[in-house]
């Protein structure tokens, strides 16, 4: 098992918790800092990577089944 498999879930949890904090800040009408915006951007990137990984897994499965 690579270290990435250990770090990824931890990083995901940290980004999710930070994102929830920023969303609460938005709901309260507070001003966002540069860090808050960066956290939202990281969350967006994480979601895009998750979608890409799922699509790649589907394509790999289809390729294996077609051969």
Protein backbone atom coordinates (compact mmCIF):
# COMPACT_ATOMS: atom_id res chain seq x y z
CA UNK A 1 0.00 0.00 0.00
CA UNK A 2 1.42 3.37 -0.98
CA UNK A 3 1.45 6.38 1.30
CA UNK A 4 -0.97 8.10 -1.09
CA UNK A 5 -3.67 5.61 -0.07
CA UNK A 6 -3.14 6.68 3.54
CA UNK A 7 -2.90 10.41 2.94
CA UNK A 8 -5.79 10.76 0.49
CA UNK A 9 -8.60 9.95 2.98
CA UNK A 10 -7.04 12.21 5.60
CA UNK A 11 -6.66 15.08 3.14
CA UNK A 12 -10.23 14.52 1.94
CA UNK A 13 -11.54 14.77 5.51
CA UNK A 14 -9.58 17.94 6.15
CA UNK A 15 -10.81 19.59 2.94
CA UNK A 16 -14.42 18.58 3.67
CA UNK A 17 -14.26 20.00 7.22
CA UNK A 18 -12.68 23.23 5.98
CA UNK A 19 -15.28 23.50 3.21
CA UNK A 20 -18.12 23.10 5.73
CA UNK A 21 -16.58 25.90 7.79
CA UNK A 22 -16.41 28.19 4.74
CA UNK A 23 -20.00 27.36 3.77
CA UNK A 24 -21.15 28.29 7.28
CA UNK A 25 -19.23 31.54 6.94
CA UNK A 26 -21.03 32.24 3.65
CA UNK A 27 -24.42 31.48 5.26
CA UNK A 28 -23.66 34.01 8.01
CA UNK A 29 -22.83 36.62 5.36
CA UNK A 30 -19.21 36.92 6.46
CA UNK A 31 -16.47 38.16 4.20
CA UNK A 32 -14.30 35.41 2.69
CA UNK A 33 -10.55 35.47 2.98
CA UNK A 34 -8.13 34.39 0.30
CA UNK A 35 -7.68 31.16 2.27
CA UNK A 36 -11.44 30.53 2.27
CA UNK A 37 -11.53 30.92 -1.50
CA UNK A 38 -8.55 28.59 -1.85
CA UNK A 39 -10.35 25.98 0.28
CA UNK A 40 -13.41 26.18 -1.97
CA UNK A 41 -11.17 25.85 -5.01
CA UNK A 42 -9.43 22.78 -3.55
CA UNK A 43 -12.82 21.25 -2.84
CA UNK A 44 -13.86 21.82 -6.45
CA UNK A 45 -10.64 20.24 -7.73
CA UNK A 46 -11.14 17.24 -5.42
CA UNK A 47 -14.67 16.71 -6.77
CA UNK A 48 -13.44 16.94 -10.36
CA UNK A 49 -10.68 14.41 -9.65
CA UNK A 50 -13.21 12.06 -8.06
CA UNK A 51 -15.44 12.31 -11.14
CA UNK A 52 -12.48 11.72 -13.47
CA UNK A 53 -11.38 8.67 -11.47
CA UNK A 54 -14.89 7.22 -11.62
CA UNK A 55 -15.06 7.80 -15.37
CA UNK A 56 -11.64 6.19 -15.87
CA UNK A 57 -12.73 3.17 -13.84
CA UNK A 58 -15.86 2.81 -15.97
CA UNK A 59 -13.84 3.03 -19.18
CA UNK A 60 -11.29 0.51 -17.94
CA UNK A 61 -14.07 -1.87 -16.99
CA UNK A 62 -15.68 -1.47 -20.43
CA UNK A 63 -12.33 -2.10 -22.13
CA UNK A 64 -11.71 -5.24 -20.09
CA UNK A 65 -15.19 -6.55 -20.86
CA UNK A 66 -14.84 -5.88 -24.59
CA UNK A 67 -11.66 -7.95 -24.97
